[in-house]
Protein backbone atom coordinates (compact mmCIF):
# COMPACT_ATOMS: atom_id res chain seq x y z
CA MET A 1 -5.44 -46.55 33.82
CA ILE A 2 -2.11 -45.88 35.60
CA ARG A 3 -0.52 -48.87 33.92
CA LYS A 4 -1.78 -47.70 30.53
CA ILE A 5 -0.32 -44.23 31.12
CA LEU A 6 3.00 -45.76 32.16
CA ASN A 7 3.08 -48.10 29.15
CA ASP A 8 2.30 -45.19 26.81
CA ILE A 9 5.21 -43.21 28.28
CA ARG A 10 7.59 -46.16 28.08
CA ASN A 11 6.64 -46.81 24.44
CA GLY A 12 6.79 -43.14 23.47
CA PRO A 13 9.67 -40.77 22.91
CA THR A 14 12.53 -40.80 25.39
CA ILE A 15 12.07 -37.12 26.21
CA LEU A 16 8.55 -35.70 26.28
CA THR A 17 7.60 -32.21 25.18
CA LEU A 18 5.78 -29.91 27.56
CA SER A 19 2.48 -30.50 25.72
CA GLN A 20 2.93 -34.27 26.12
CA ILE A 21 3.72 -33.79 29.82
CA ILE A 22 0.61 -31.67 30.25
CA ASP A 23 -1.55 -34.32 28.56
CA ILE A 24 -0.21 -36.92 30.99
CA ILE A 25 -0.71 -34.59 33.95
CA LYS A 26 -4.35 -34.10 32.93
CA SER A 27 -4.80 -37.88 32.83
CA LEU A 28 -3.20 -38.28 36.26
CA GLN A 29 -5.47 -35.67 37.80
CA LEU A 30 -8.53 -37.56 36.56
CA LEU A 31 -7.53 -40.70 38.44
CA LYS A 32 -9.28 -41.71 41.62
CA VAL A 33 -7.11 -41.58 44.72
CA GLU A 34 -7.81 -45.27 45.32
CA GLU A 35 -6.22 -46.17 41.98
CA ILE A 36 -3.16 -44.05 42.73
CA LEU A 37 -2.73 -45.67 46.15
CA LYS A 38 -3.26 -49.17 44.73
CA ASN A 39 -0.65 -48.53 42.02
CA ASP A 40 1.67 -46.24 43.95
CA LYS A 41 4.89 -47.72 42.55
CA GLU A 42 3.73 -47.09 38.97
CA PHE A 43 2.46 -43.63 39.89
CA LEU A 44 5.87 -42.68 41.28
CA GLU A 45 7.55 -44.09 38.18
CA ILE A 46 5.34 -41.90 36.00
CA LEU A 47 6.30 -38.88 38.09
CA ASP A 48 9.99 -39.81 37.75
CA LEU A 49 9.63 -39.97 33.96
CA LEU A 50 7.75 -36.66 33.85
CA VAL A 51 10.38 -34.97 36.00
CA GLU A 52 13.15 -36.32 33.79
CA SER A 53 11.54 -34.96 30.64
CA TYR A 54 10.59 -31.70 32.28
CA SER A 55 14.12 -31.15 33.56
CA ASP A 56 15.72 -32.10 30.23
CA SER A 57 13.69 -29.96 27.86
CA ALA A 58 10.20 -28.88 28.89
CA ILE A 59 11.51 -26.50 31.55
CA PHE A 60 12.46 -24.21 28.63
CA GLU A 61 8.89 -24.26 27.21
CA VAL A 62 6.89 -23.11 30.25
CA ASN A 63 5.63 -19.67 29.11
CA ASN A 64 1.80 -19.69 29.19
CA ASN A 65 1.60 -23.01 31.04
CA LYS A 66 2.94 -21.72 34.34
CA PHE A 67 -0.50 -21.55 35.99
CA PHE A 68 -1.31 -25.12 34.93
CA LEU A 69 2.00 -26.42 36.30
CA GLU A 70 1.45 -24.56 39.58
CA LYS A 71 -1.98 -26.15 39.85
CA PHE A 72 -0.46 -29.61 39.28
CA SER A 73 2.24 -28.90 41.85
CA ASN A 74 -0.41 -27.96 44.42
CA TRP A 75 -2.41 -31.09 43.56
CA LEU A 76 0.67 -33.23 44.18
CA LEU A 77 1.35 -31.51 47.52
CA LYS A 78 -2.21 -32.04 48.74
CA LEU A 79 -2.21 -35.66 47.59
CA GLY A 80 1.15 -36.38 49.24
CA LYS A 81 0.22 -34.74 52.53
CA LYS A 82 -3.06 -36.58 52.79
CA TYR A 83 -1.79 -39.92 51.45
CA PRO A 84 1.98 -40.46 51.73
CA ILE A 85 2.78 -42.66 48.73
CA GLY A 86 5.04 -45.63 48.16
CA ARG A 87 7.20 -47.73 50.39
CA ASN A 88 9.00 -44.66 51.70
CA LYS A 89 5.74 -42.75 52.30
CA ASP A 90 6.73 -39.97 49.90
CA ASP A 91 4.91 -36.68 50.49
CA LEU A 92 5.50 -35.78 46.81
CA SER A 93 7.02 -32.39 47.68
CA SER A 94 10.21 -33.13 45.75
CA TYR A 95 8.12 -33.82 42.66
CA SER A 96 5.91 -30.79 43.06
CA ASP A 97 8.90 -28.47 43.47
CA ILE A 98 10.31 -29.51 40.09
CA PHE A 99 7.23 -28.30 38.20
CA LEU A 100 7.55 -24.84 39.73
CA LYS A 101 10.94 -24.30 38.09
CA GLU A 102 11.32 -22.60 34.76
CA MET A 103 14.14 -21.23 32.66
């Protein structure tokens, strides 16, 4: 499923809207931890792409989605603390912090 999500992002628009980001976030949160850990490189690439889109345009769209983004941020923090991800054992805090920002 992670590879499908990544392929969909790569084949989609260069910059995602906030609603597209939220749809991807929902898909990520449905994944089993085992799949995330098995495909950690792809998972981190997805987060990089989400952060890029969020920082470029979606940060201006937050409004009513603030609670959802906070929930995702907390999910990332818990995941990263329990299972440091990737070769560098990322705790995901840098990713989670991005989704707490808004303009």
